[in-house]
């Protein structure tokens, strides 16, 4: 659909990822305002950078490096969960809710 999931995160003092802004679907084009974040050394992860090489080219000036992290890994999630439990900051499994960015995945993309 020529869209990518775009989420920006920063690392907190405990080395946990903290969401910066909203997670969105973004056209595989230039990301407005990305250069402003580049001073902190932006790393790009995920398959979109390989699937849409033009997307990387359009945003390359703001990105320090593209890392070979394509999907979430349980090994990291388990460590975060253990830390959350120790800090009494965990979510009970029955309270977990999926976060859908695109609700209508079966629809065809609009014709431009």
Foldseek 3Di string as FASTA:
>chain_A
DQWDWDWDWDQDPVRDTDTDDDTAIGHLAADPPLQVVLVVAAEAEADSCVVPVNSCVRHVVSHNYYDDHHDDDVVVVVVVQVVCVVVVNHDDPVPDDDDDRDPCPVDDDDDD
